[in-house]
Amino acid sequence: MAVRRTITVSITQEQDDLIKACLHSGHFASTSEVVRAALRLLQRDEIAQQVRKPRPASSKGTMHG
C-alpha cells in the first residue's frame, strides 16, 4: 500500500455537505475515502482531456510556398 500523509484543506460549506452526504450514504467510511475517490476522478478526467487534446500538426512533409 502507498505511503499516506495527512494534509489540511479548506472547503466550502457545500463541499462539506457533499462529503457528509457521501458518508451518510454508506458508500464511504471516512472523509479521506471521499477525498481520495474525488482525486481519482480528477486524475481520470485530466488524463481523458490530454487524450482528447488535438496534437499540433507536424511540419514534416508539408510544402511551404
N, C-alpha and C. Protein backbone atom coordinates (compact mmCIF):
# COMPACT_ATOMS: atom_id res chain seq x y z
N MET A 1 0.84 -1.18 0.00
CA MET A 1 0.00 0.00 0.00
C MET A 1 0.89 1.25 0.00
N ALA A 2 0.45 2.28 -0.67
CA ALA A 2 1.21 3.52 -0.78
C ALA A 2 1.29 4.21 0.58
N VAL A 3 2.40 4.93 0.78
CA VAL A 3 2.57 5.71 1.99
C VAL A 3 1.56 6.86 1.95
N ARG A 4 0.91 7.10 3.05
CA ARG A 4 -0.09 8.17 3.12
C ARG A 4 0.44 9.28 3.99
N ARG A 5 0.03 10.49 3.69
CA ARG A 5 0.37 11.62 4.54
C ARG A 5 -0.88 12.42 4.82
N THR A 6 -0.88 13.13 5.90
CA THR A 6 -2.04 13.91 6.31
C THR A 6 -1.85 15.35 5.87
N ILE A 7 -2.92 15.93 5.29
CA ILE A 7 -2.91 17.33 4.89
C ILE A 7 -4.17 18.00 5.44
N THR A 8 -4.14 19.30 5.48
CA THR A 8 -5.30 20.08 5.89
C THR A 8 -5.74 20.93 4.72
N VAL A 9 -7.03 20.91 4.41
CA VAL A 9 -7.55 21.72 3.31
C VAL A 9 -8.77 22.50 3.78
N SER A 10 -8.99 23.63 3.16
CA SER A 10 -10.19 24.43 3.43
C SER A 10 -11.21 24.13 2.34
N ILE A 11 -12.46 23.90 2.74
CA ILE A 11 -13.53 23.62 1.79
C ILE A 11 -14.73 24.50 2.10
N THR A 12 -15.60 24.62 1.11
CA THR A 12 -16.82 25.41 1.29
C THR A 12 -17.84 24.59 2.08
N GLN A 13 -18.87 25.25 2.53
CA GLN A 13 -19.95 24.55 3.24
C GLN A 13 -20.62 23.54 2.32
N GLU A 14 -20.78 23.89 1.04
CA GLU A 14 -21.39 22.97 0.08
C GLU A 14 -20.54 21.71 -0.09
N GLN A 15 -19.23 21.88 -0.14
CA GLN A 15 -18.35 20.73 -0.26
C GLN A 15 -18.40 19.86 1.00
N ASP A 16 -18.47 20.50 2.16
CA ASP A 16 -18.60 19.77 3.41
C ASP A 16 -19.91 18.99 3.45
N ASP A 17 -20.99 19.62 2.99
CA ASP A 17 -22.29 18.94 2.93
C ASP A 17 -22.23 17.73 2.01
N LEU A 18 -21.53 17.87 0.89
CA LEU A 18 -21.39 16.75 -0.05
C LEU A 18 -20.63 15.60 0.59
N ILE A 19 -19.55 15.91 1.27
CA ILE A 19 -18.79 14.86 1.96
C ILE A 19 -19.67 14.16 2.99
N LYS A 20 -20.41 14.94 3.77
CA LYS A 20 -21.29 14.35 4.77
C LYS A 20 -22.35 13.46 4.12
N ALA A 21 -22.88 13.89 2.97
CA ALA A 21 -23.88 13.08 2.26
C ALA A 21 -23.26 11.77 1.77
N CYS A 22 -22.04 11.84 1.30
CA CYS A 22 -21.35 10.63 0.86
C CYS A 22 -21.15 9.66 2.02
N LEU A 23 -20.79 10.20 3.17
CA LEU A 23 -20.60 9.36 4.35
C LEU A 23 -21.93 8.78 4.82
N HIS A 24 -22.96 9.60 4.82
CA HIS A 24 -24.28 9.16 5.25
C HIS A 24 -24.84 8.06 4.34
N SER A 25 -24.47 8.10 3.06
CA SER A 25 -24.96 7.10 2.11
C SER A 25 -24.41 5.71 2.41
N GLY A 26 -23.32 5.67 3.14
CA GLY A 26 -22.70 4.38 3.44
C GLY A 26 -21.71 3.90 2.42
N HIS A 27 -21.54 4.66 1.33
CA HIS A 27 -20.59 4.26 0.30
C HIS A 27 -19.15 4.50 0.71
N PHE A 28 -18.94 5.37 1.67
CA PHE A 28 -17.60 5.70 2.14
C PHE A 28 -17.57 5.63 3.65
N ALA A 29 -16.44 5.18 4.19
CA ALA A 29 -16.31 5.03 5.63
C ALA A 29 -15.66 6.24 6.29
N SER A 30 -15.01 7.09 5.49
CA SER A 30 -14.31 8.23 6.07
C SER A 30 -14.23 9.37 5.06
N THR A 31 -13.96 10.55 5.60
CA THR A 31 -13.74 11.72 4.74
C THR A 31 -12.56 11.46 3.80
N SER A 32 -11.53 10.82 4.30
CA SER A 32 -10.36 10.52 3.47
C SER A 32 -10.74 9.68 2.26
N GLU A 33 -11.62 8.70 2.45
CA GLU A 33 -12.06 7.87 1.32
C GLU A 33 -12.78 8.72 0.28
N VAL A 34 -13.62 9.64 0.72
CA VAL A 34 -14.34 10.52 -0.21
C VAL A 34 -13.35 11.36 -1.01
N VAL A 35 -12.39 11.95 -0.33
CA VAL A 35 -11.42 12.82 -0.99
C VAL A 35 -10.55 12.01 -1.95
N ARG A 36 -10.12 10.83 -1.54
CA ARG A 36 -9.31 10.00 -2.45
C ARG A 36 -10.10 9.61 -3.70
N ALA A 37 -11.38 9.29 -3.53
CA ALA A 37 -12.22 8.95 -4.69
C ALA A 37 -12.35 10.16 -5.61
N ALA A 38 -12.53 11.34 -5.03
CA ALA A 38 -12.65 12.56 -5.83
C ALA A 38 -11.35 12.83 -6.59
N LEU A 39 -10.22 12.60 -5.95
CA LEU A 39 -8.93 12.82 -6.61
C LEU A 39 -8.70 11.82 -7.74
N ARG A 40 -9.16 10.58 -7.54
CA ARG A 40 -9.05 9.59 -8.63
C ARG A 40 -9.88 10.03 -9.84
N LEU A 41 -11.08 10.56 -9.59
CA LEU A 41 -11.91 11.06 -10.69
C LEU A 41 -11.26 12.25 -11.39
N LEU A 42 -10.66 13.13 -10.62
CA LEU A 42 -9.96 14.28 -11.19
C LEU A 42 -8.80 13.80 -12.06
N GLN A 43 -8.05 12.85 -11.56
CA GLN A 43 -6.92 12.31 -12.32
C GLN A 43 -7.41 11.67 -13.61
N ARG A 44 -8.48 10.89 -13.54
CA ARG A 44 -9.04 10.25 -14.73
C ARG A 44 -9.51 11.29 -15.74
N ASP A 45 -10.14 12.36 -15.25
CA ASP A 45 -10.61 13.43 -16.13
C ASP A 45 -9.45 14.15 -16.80
N GLU A 46 -8.40 14.41 -16.04
CA GLU A 46 -7.22 15.08 -16.60
C GLU A 46 -6.59 14.23 -17.69
N ILE A 47 -6.48 12.94 -17.47
CA ILE A 47 -5.90 12.04 -18.47
C ILE A 47 -6.78 12.01 -19.71
N ALA A 48 -8.09 11.95 -19.53
CA ALA A 48 -9.01 11.93 -20.66
C ALA A 48 -8.91 13.21 -21.48
N GLN A 49 -8.75 14.35 -20.80
CA GLN A 49 -8.61 15.62 -21.52
C GLN A 49 -7.33 15.64 -22.33
N GLN A 50 -6.25 15.09 -21.81
CA GLN A 50 -4.99 15.04 -22.55
C GLN A 50 -5.11 14.18 -23.79
N VAL A 51 -5.84 13.10 -23.68
CA VAL A 51 -6.02 12.20 -24.82
C VAL A 51 -6.84 12.89 -25.91
N ARG A 52 -7.85 13.67 -25.51
CA ARG A 52 -8.72 14.35 -26.48
C ARG A 52 -8.08 15.60 -27.08
N LYS A 53 -7.06 16.13 -26.43
CA LYS A 53 -6.44 17.37 -26.88
C LYS A 53 -5.82 17.18 -28.26
N PRO A 54 -6.16 18.05 -29.22
CA PRO A 54 -5.58 17.90 -30.56
C PRO A 54 -4.08 18.14 -30.52
N ARG A 55 -3.38 17.33 -31.27
CA ARG A 55 -1.93 17.47 -31.34
C ARG A 55 -1.59 18.46 -32.44
N PRO A 56 -0.54 19.26 -32.23
CA PRO A 56 -0.14 20.20 -33.28
C PRO A 56 0.29 19.46 -34.54
N ALA A 57 -0.03 20.04 -35.67
CA ALA A 57 0.34 19.43 -36.95
C ALA A 57 1.84 19.43 -37.11
N SER A 58 2.36 18.36 -37.61
CA SER A 58 3.80 18.23 -37.82
C SER A 58 4.17 19.01 -39.08
N SER A 59 5.35 19.61 -39.06
CA SER A 59 5.82 20.35 -40.23
C SER A 59 6.49 19.43 -41.24
N LYS A 60 6.73 18.17 -40.87
CA LYS A 60 7.35 17.23 -41.80
C LYS A 60 6.40 16.93 -42.95
N GLY A 61 6.93 16.98 -44.14
CA GLY A 61 6.14 16.60 -45.30
C GLY A 61 5.20 17.66 -45.80
N THR A 62 5.22 18.84 -45.21
CA THR A 62 4.33 19.90 -45.69
C THR A 62 5.10 20.81 -46.62
N MET A 63 4.38 21.37 -47.58
CA MET A 63 5.00 22.26 -48.54
C MET A 63 4.72 23.70 -48.13
N HIS A 64 5.72 24.53 -48.20
CA HIS A 64 5.58 25.95 -47.90
C HIS A 64 5.70 26.71 -49.20
N GLY A 65 4.88 27.71 -49.33
CA GLY A 65 5.11 28.50 -50.50
C GLY A 65 3.92 28.98 -51.11
